[in-house]
Amino acid sequence: MPLVAHTELPTFARLKAEGQKVLSLDAARHQDIRELHIGLLNLMPDKALEATERQFFRLLGGCNQIVQFYVHPFTVDGLERGEEARAHIEKYYEPFAKIREEGLDALIISGANVTHADISEEPFWRPLTEVFDWAKHHVTSILCSCLATHALVQYCYGLRRTRLPAKRWGVYSHRVVNLRHPLVADINTRFDVPHSRFNELFREDLEQVGLKILVESEVAGVHLAVSSDLLRVVYFQGHPEYDTVSLLKEYKREVGRYLSGEREDYPPLVDNYFSPKAQAILRDYRAALESAKRRGWEPPPFPEAALLPLLDNTWRDTAKAVFNNWLGLVYQVTDQDRRVPFMPGIDPDNPLGLEI
């Protein structure tokens, strides 16, 4: 059910303008409905900071639980920030100390951009692991996205990701491979998920350390896995939160890097994302760009406006369904006092009471 606009964060106004249900704080206080407080640890760089907020807020607000969702964005030290992003964080984000004091029902940890082959060498590694150490003892469930999955699997199990020969970049078909877990109950058994990464954790490695695989792709590998207790940590390798335009924006950025000389090769088309008509537009654009580059002319503008109507979103409904299931499970087993992650009688080692 609804997001609650408990701060002046611009994302609330943006989502309300899109037609999403967003309650004012005053209206929320006059409803006798249980609250769920969800943390969003946003590790994304400046250019994707607010877009990542909107993506996860949109998924949370699209769920069908009879509950009010209070979402608490925060970040950690060790991430290089420009002046505008710092101002946004200082104005709208909460300090981790406050979140730790007041408690959360669930926590989402976003992906991040990294500069080291070993994630543990990143400046944000220690602050990230401090948040995780707190959350695994005080939060019912932690949902990790892409890089956060790689980082926390390495931290918890010493399992390092493998560098791929080429970037895994596109929209790929996936299958549910464990129908018994309630996280994937009543969703499509085959569905698409966007991926955008240079590294991978493989099924055999994840199973060796006790993780349970729920969704995977023949091409893109494991997308969704859960910790051995089946709820405490949820791991995504893909990006179900992506907007329809997210991969287009990434592709445009890579073309810009080619133009500026940051990359030597022209970026390949994103897998299974651009329609034949869109591919034709991009081929013509590349030819015009290369011609202008040879002649020393001003490059033509990227044809974003022409491409936007040709994009399809083939993952959003299933992403909403998975998030709906996740929050339903959190609601089912969480004590209303957020300092106590599980209700009395719930086994923390198997809160769902399942054998999978």
Protein backbone atom coordinates (compact mmCIF):
# COMPACT_ATOMS: atom_id res chain seq x y z
CA MET A 1 0.00 0.00 0.00
CA PRO A 2 1.08 3.59 0.23
CA LEU A 3 4.40 5.22 0.71
CA VAL A 4 4.36 7.86 3.45
CA ALA A 5 5.98 11.20 2.63
CA HIS A 6 7.54 11.62 6.06
CA THR A 7 10.23 14.01 4.75
CA GLU A 8 10.52 16.60 1.97
CA LEU A 9 12.51 14.20 -0.24
CA PRO A 10 11.74 15.21 -3.87
CA THR A 11 11.27 11.58 -4.85
CA PHE A 12 7.88 11.60 -3.09
CA ALA A 13 6.61 14.46 -5.26
CA ARG A 14 8.03 12.83 -8.38
CA LEU A 15 6.24 9.54 -7.70
CA LYS A 16 2.99 11.30 -6.78
CA ALA A 17 3.13 13.14 -10.11
CA GLU A 18 3.44 9.75 -11.83
CA GLY A 19 0.15 8.73 -10.23
CA GLN A 20 1.54 6.60 -7.42
CA LYS A 21 -0.25 6.67 -4.06
CA VAL A 22 1.76 8.73 -1.56
CA LEU A 23 0.29 9.65 1.82
CA SER A 24 1.09 12.85 3.62
CA LEU A 25 2.45 12.38 7.12
CA ASP A 26 -0.70 13.94 8.58
CA ALA A 27 -2.98 11.55 6.66
CA ALA A 28 -0.84 8.58 7.69
CA ARG A 29 -1.13 9.49 11.36
CA HIS A 30 -4.93 9.40 11.11
CA GLN A 31 -4.97 5.86 9.70
CA ASP A 32 -5.01 2.87 11.99
CA ILE A 33 -2.67 0.83 9.80
CA ARG A 34 0.55 -0.89 10.75
CA GLU A 35 3.80 0.67 9.60
CA LEU A 36 6.82 -0.98 8.03
CA HIS A 37 10.08 0.97 8.10
CA ILE A 38 12.42 0.13 5.22
CA GLY A 39 15.99 1.40 5.01
CA LEU A 40 17.60 2.17 1.64
CA LEU A 41 21.39 2.22 1.82
CA ASN A 42 22.16 4.06 -1.41
CA LEU A 43 25.72 3.45 -2.60
CA MET A 44 25.24 4.64 -6.16
CA PRO A 45 27.38 7.44 -7.63
CA ASP A 46 26.08 11.00 -7.91
CA LYS A 47 24.53 10.71 -11.39
CA ALA A 48 22.44 7.69 -10.37
CA LEU A 49 21.77 8.66 -6.75
CA GLU A 50 18.27 10.10 -7.12
CA ALA A 51 17.27 7.73 -9.93
CA THR A 52 18.10 4.79 -7.65
CA GLU A 53 15.93 6.32 -4.91
CA ARG A 54 12.99 6.56 -7.29
CA GLN A 55 13.44 3.03 -8.62
CA PHE A 56 13.32 1.35 -5.22
CA PHE A 57 10.66 3.69 -3.82
CA ARG A 58 8.53 2.94 -6.88
CA LEU A 59 8.77 -0.81 -6.31
CA LEU A 60 7.98 -0.51 -2.62
CA GLY A 61 5.03 1.80 -3.26
CA GLY A 62 3.65 -0.56 -5.89
CA CYS A 63 3.20 -3.40 -3.39
CA ASN A 64 -0.24 -4.50 -2.21
CA GLN A 65 0.31 -4.98 1.49
CA ILE A 66 -2.16 -3.25 3.82
CA VAL A 67 0.58 -1.30 5.49
CA GLN A 68 2.21 2.14 5.43
CA PHE A 69 5.75 2.16 4.08
CA TYR A 70 8.21 4.59 5.64
CA VAL A 71 11.40 4.50 3.57
CA HIS A 72 14.59 5.82 5.14
CA PRO A 73 17.39 6.59 2.65
CA PHE A 74 20.93 6.81 3.98
CA THR A 75 24.48 6.30 2.77
CA VAL A 76 27.95 5.65 4.19
CA ASP A 77 31.37 7.25 4.12
CA GLY A 78 33.94 6.25 1.53
CA LEU A 79 31.97 7.30 -1.56
CA GLU A 80 33.24 10.26 -3.54
CA ARG A 81 30.53 12.91 -3.77
CA GLY A 82 30.17 16.20 -5.59
CA GLU A 83 28.72 19.31 -4.04
CA GLU A 84 25.17 18.79 -5.35
CA ALA A 85 24.95 15.18 -4.19
CA ARG A 86 26.37 16.07 -0.77
CA ALA A 87 23.76 18.79 -0.39
CA HIS A 88 20.98 16.33 -1.34
CA ILE A 89 22.25 13.76 1.16
CA GLU A 90 22.64 16.29 3.96
CA LYS A 91 19.14 17.64 3.42
CA TYR A 92 17.15 14.45 2.81
CA TYR A 93 19.10 11.42 4.01
CA GLU A 94 19.24 10.15 7.58
CA PRO A 95 22.41 9.45 9.57
CA PHE A 96 23.08 5.77 10.13
CA ALA A 97 23.32 6.48 13.87
CA LYS A 98 19.67 7.62 13.87
CA ILE A 99 18.55 4.59 11.87
CA ARG A 100 20.44 2.25 14.20
CA GLU A 101 18.78 3.88 17.21
CA GLU A 102 15.23 3.82 15.86
CA GLY A 103 15.42 0.46 14.06
CA LEU A 104 14.19 -0.92 10.74
CA ASP A 105 11.95 -3.77 9.65
CA ALA A 106 13.91 -4.40 6.45
CA LEU A 107 16.89 -3.00 4.60
CA ILE A 108 17.69 -2.61 0.89
CA ILE A 109 21.35 -2.14 -0.11
CA SER A 110 21.85 -0.77 -3.62
CA GLY A 111 24.59 -1.53 -6.08
CA ALA A 112 27.66 0.69 -6.45
CA ASN A 113 30.43 1.56 -8.87
CA VAL A 114 33.87 0.30 -7.87
CA THR A 115 37.44 1.05 -8.89
CA HIS A 116 39.27 -1.96 -7.37
CA ALA A 117 39.23 -5.58 -8.51
CA ASP A 118 38.94 -6.61 -4.85
CA ILE A 119 35.82 -5.01 -3.34
CA SER A 120 37.36 -5.10 0.13
CA GLU A 121 39.83 -2.42 -1.02
CA GLU A 122 37.04 0.08 -1.70
CA PRO A 123 36.91 2.99 0.79
CA PHE A 124 33.26 2.19 1.57
CA TRP A 125 33.99 -1.45 2.45
CA ARG A 126 34.34 -1.01 6.22
CA PRO A 127 31.31 1.31 6.62
CA LEU A 128 29.23 -1.08 4.50
CA THR A 129 30.20 -4.10 6.58
CA GLU A 130 29.45 -2.18 9.78
CA VAL A 131 25.91 -1.56 8.55
CA PHE A 132 25.56 -5.20 7.58
CA ASP A 133 26.86 -6.47 10.92
CA TRP A 134 24.24 -4.36 12.69
CA ALA A 135 21.44 -5.27 10.29
CA LYS A 136 21.92 -9.04 10.41
CA HIS A 137 21.20 -8.94 14.16
CA HIS A 138 18.54 -6.22 14.26
CA VAL A 139 16.68 -6.26 10.92
CA THR A 140 14.33 -8.99 9.77
CA SER A 141 15.54 -9.14 6.16
CA ILE A 142 18.26 -7.51 4.04
CA LEU A 143 17.85 -7.27 0.27
CA CYS A 144 21.09 -6.79 -1.69
CA SER A 145 21.35 -5.53 -5.26
CA CYS A 146 24.15 -6.52 -7.67
CA LEU A 147 27.43 -5.12 -6.24
CA ALA A 148 26.03 -5.31 -2.69
CA THR A 149 25.41 -9.03 -3.30
CA HIS A 150 29.00 -9.53 -4.44
CA ALA A 151 30.38 -7.54 -1.50
CA LEU A 152 28.38 -9.26 1.22
CA VAL A 153 28.88 -12.78 -0.16
CA GLN A 154 32.61 -12.07 -0.06
CA TYR A 155 32.35 -10.63 3.45
CA CYS A 156 30.22 -13.46 4.86
CA TYR A 157 31.70 -16.46 3.06
CA GLY A 158 35.05 -15.36 1.63
CA LEU A 159 33.67 -16.11 -1.86
CA ARG A 160 35.05 -13.74 -4.49
CA ARG A 161 33.25 -12.95 -7.70
CA THR A 162 34.73 -13.91 -11.10
CA ARG A 163 35.57 -11.36 -13.79
CA LEU A 164 33.63 -12.06 -16.99
CA PRO A 165 35.25 -11.94 -20.46
CA ALA A 166 32.80 -9.17 -21.42
CA LYS A 167 30.21 -7.08 -19.64
CA ARG A 168 26.93 -8.84 -18.87
CA TRP A 169 24.70 -6.13 -20.26
CA GLY A 170 21.12 -6.54 -21.33
CA VAL A 171 17.71 -8.03 -20.58
CA TYR A 172 17.71 -11.80 -20.14
CA SER A 173 15.09 -14.51 -19.73
CA HIS A 174 15.05 -16.27 -16.33
CA ARG A 175 13.27 -19.24 -14.78
CA VAL A 176 12.12 -19.92 -11.24
CA VAL A 177 14.06 -23.03 -10.21
CA ASN A 178 12.65 -23.44 -6.70
CA LEU A 179 8.88 -23.10 -6.69
CA ARG A 180 8.50 -23.88 -2.98
CA HIS A 181 9.91 -20.65 -1.60
CA PRO A 182 7.19 -18.05 -0.83
CA LEU A 183 9.40 -15.27 -2.20
CA VAL A 184 8.58 -16.54 -5.71
CA ALA A 185 5.00 -17.64 -5.01
CA ASP A 186 2.43 -16.71 -7.66
CA ILE A 187 4.87 -15.00 -9.99
CA ASN A 188 5.62 -15.84 -13.61
CA THR A 189 7.83 -18.92 -13.78
CA ARG A 190 9.70 -17.35 -16.70
CA PHE A 191 10.42 -13.64 -16.83
CA ASP A 192 13.00 -11.06 -17.84
CA VAL A 193 15.53 -9.24 -15.66
CA PRO A 194 18.04 -6.53 -16.66
CA HIS A 195 21.72 -7.11 -15.84
CA SER A 196 24.64 -4.70 -15.98
CA ARG A 197 27.90 -6.04 -14.51
CA PHE A 198 31.42 -7.18 -15.29
CA ASN A 199 31.55 -9.93 -12.64
CA GLU A 200 29.55 -12.96 -11.57
CA LEU A 201 28.90 -15.31 -8.68
CA PHE A 202 28.16 -18.79 -10.05
CA ARG A 203 25.51 -21.26 -8.92
CA GLU A 204 27.98 -23.93 -7.78
CA ASP A 205 29.89 -21.46 -5.61
CA LEU A 206 26.75 -20.03 -4.01
CA GLU A 207 25.35 -23.48 -3.27
CA GLN A 208 28.68 -24.55 -1.79
CA VAL A 209 28.37 -21.88 0.91
CA GLY A 210 24.75 -22.82 1.66
CA LEU A 211 22.77 -20.25 -0.33
CA LYS A 212 19.51 -21.36 -1.95
CA ILE A 213 19.04 -20.52 -5.63
CA LEU A 214 15.53 -19.40 -6.57
CA VAL A 215 15.85 -17.79 -10.03
CA GLU A 216 18.47 -18.14 -12.76
CA SER A 217 19.09 -17.64 -16.46
CA GLU A 218 20.80 -19.98 -18.92
CA VAL A 219 22.71 -16.96 -20.23
CA ALA A 220 22.99 -14.51 -17.32
CA GLY A 221 23.38 -17.01 -14.47
CA VAL A 222 21.90 -16.73 -10.99
CA HIS A 223 19.64 -13.75 -10.40
CA LEU A 224 17.94 -14.46 -7.07
CA ALA A 225 19.25 -16.43 -4.09
CA VAL A 226 18.54 -16.44 -0.35
CA SER A 227 20.54 -17.19 2.77
CA SER A 228 20.31 -20.64 4.35
CA ASP A 229 17.59 -19.45 6.77
CA LEU A 230 15.55 -18.55 3.65
CA LEU A 231 14.78 -14.91 4.57
CA ARG A 232 17.52 -13.08 6.49
CA VAL A 233 19.43 -12.05 3.33
CA VAL A 234 18.01 -11.87 -0.21
CA TYR A 235 20.58 -11.61 -3.00
CA PHE A 236 19.97 -10.14 -6.47
CA GLN A 237 22.63 -10.20 -9.20
CA GLY A 238 20.34 -8.47 -11.67
CA HIS A 239 18.55 -5.13 -11.50
CA PRO A 240 14.77 -5.68 -11.28
CA GLU A 241 14.46 -2.11 -9.99
CA TYR A 242 15.64 -0.61 -13.31
CA ASP A 243 13.39 1.83 -15.13
CA THR A 244 12.53 1.23 -18.79
CA VAL A 245 15.14 3.83 -19.79
CA SER A 246 17.94 2.77 -17.42
CA LEU A 247 19.88 0.67 -19.93
CA LEU A 248 19.41 3.34 -22.60
CA LYS A 249 20.95 5.92 -20.26
CA GLU A 250 23.86 3.57 -19.59
CA TYR A 251 24.38 2.99 -23.31
CA LYS A 252 24.31 6.73 -24.01
CA ARG A 253 26.91 7.22 -21.27
CA GLU A 254 29.20 4.62 -22.84
CA VAL A 255 28.89 6.27 -26.25
CA GLY A 256 29.89 9.52 -24.56
CA ARG A 257 32.92 7.80 -23.04
CA TYR A 258 33.92 6.60 -26.51
CA LEU A 259 33.62 10.12 -27.88
CA SER A 260 35.73 11.56 -25.07
CA GLY A 261 38.41 8.89 -25.49
CA GLU A 262 37.71 7.19 -22.13
CA ARG A 263 37.11 3.92 -23.99
CA GLU A 264 38.76 2.82 -27.22
CA ASP A 265 36.02 0.60 -28.63
CA TYR A 266 32.53 1.65 -29.63
CA PRO A 267 30.08 0.11 -27.12
CA PRO A 268 28.21 -2.98 -28.34
CA LEU A 269 24.43 -2.92 -28.38
CA VAL A 270 22.74 -3.92 -25.13
CA ASP A 271 21.52 -7.53 -25.38
CA ASN A 272 17.80 -8.16 -26.00
CA TYR A 273 16.83 -4.56 -25.27
CA PHE A 274 16.66 -2.58 -28.50
CA SER A 275 13.99 -3.48 -31.06
CA PRO A 276 15.00 -3.99 -34.72
CA LYS A 277 13.84 -0.45 -35.51
CA ALA A 278 15.85 0.95 -32.57
CA GLN A 279 18.91 -1.02 -33.68
CA ALA A 280 18.60 0.48 -37.17
CA ILE A 281 18.49 3.99 -35.68
CA LEU A 282 21.58 3.24 -33.60
CA ARG A 283 23.47 1.80 -36.59
CA ASP A 284 22.73 4.96 -38.59
CA TYR A 285 23.77 7.10 -35.64
CA ARG A 286 27.06 5.25 -35.26
CA ALA A 287 27.83 5.66 -38.96
CA ALA A 288 27.12 9.40 -38.75
CA LEU A 289 29.16 9.75 -35.56
CA GLU A 290 32.17 7.89 -36.98
CA SER A 291 32.00 9.99 -40.15
CA ALA A 292 31.93 13.21 -38.12
CA LYS A 293 34.79 11.99 -35.98
CA ARG A 294 36.99 11.27 -39.03
CA ARG A 295 36.29 14.69 -40.48
CA GLY A 296 36.76 16.53 -37.21
CA TRP A 297 33.14 17.72 -37.25
CA GLU A 298 30.78 18.18 -34.32
CA PRO A 299 29.25 14.74 -33.53
CA PRO A 300 25.49 14.37 -34.09
CA PRO A 301 23.29 14.37 -30.96
CA PHE A 302 22.46 10.97 -29.52
CA PRO A 303 18.96 9.97 -30.83
CA GLU A 304 17.44 9.45 -27.37
CA ALA A 305 14.07 11.02 -28.24
CA ALA A 306 13.67 8.71 -31.24
CA LEU A 307 14.54 5.64 -29.18
CA LEU A 308 12.35 6.23 -26.13
CA PRO A 309 9.02 5.22 -27.78
CA LEU A 310 10.65 2.00 -29.02
CA LEU A 311 11.64 0.65 -25.58
CA ASP A 312 9.68 -2.09 -23.82
CA ASN A 313 9.65 -2.98 -20.13
CA THR A 314 9.35 -6.76 -19.75
CA TRP A 315 10.35 -7.08 -16.09
CA ARG A 316 8.44 -4.52 -13.99
CA ASP A 317 5.34 -6.61 -13.11
CA THR A 318 7.38 -9.57 -11.89
CA ALA A 319 9.74 -7.28 -9.97
CA LYS A 320 6.74 -5.79 -8.16
CA ALA A 321 5.43 -9.27 -7.39
CA VAL A 322 8.74 -10.37 -5.87
CA PHE A 323 8.98 -7.21 -3.76
CA ASN A 324 5.37 -7.69 -2.70
CA ASN A 325 6.16 -11.24 -1.57
CA TRP A 326 9.31 -10.08 0.24
CA LEU A 327 7.52 -7.37 2.20
CA GLY A 328 4.65 -9.74 2.95
CA LEU A 329 7.11 -12.18 4.51
CA VAL A 330 8.75 -9.37 6.49
CA TYR A 331 5.33 -8.28 7.73
CA GLN A 332 4.41 -11.86 8.63
CA VAL A 333 7.37 -12.55 10.91
CA THR A 334 8.38 -9.10 12.18
CA ASP A 335 7.59 -7.84 15.65
CA GLN A 336 6.02 -4.36 15.68
CA ASP A 337 8.83 -3.24 17.97
CA ARG A 338 11.57 -2.88 15.37
CA ARG A 339 14.28 -3.48 17.95
CA VAL A 340 13.03 -7.11 18.04
CA PRO A 341 13.35 -8.50 14.49
CA PHE A 342 11.04 -11.50 14.94
CA MET A 343 7.75 -12.03 16.74
CA PRO A 344 7.72 -14.38 19.75
CA GLY A 345 7.70 -17.99 18.65
CA ILE A 346 9.51 -17.29 15.35
CA ASP A 347 12.71 -19.27 14.91
CA PRO A 348 15.42 -16.81 13.75
CA ASP A 349 17.28 -19.70 12.06
CA ASN A 350 14.21 -20.54 9.97
CA PRO A 351 11.64 -17.77 10.37
CA LEU A 352 9.46 -19.11 7.56
CA GLY A 353 9.30 -22.59 9.08
CA LEU A 354 10.17 -24.17 5.75
CA GLU A 355 12.38 -27.00 4.58
CA ILE A 356 13.69 -26.25 1.10
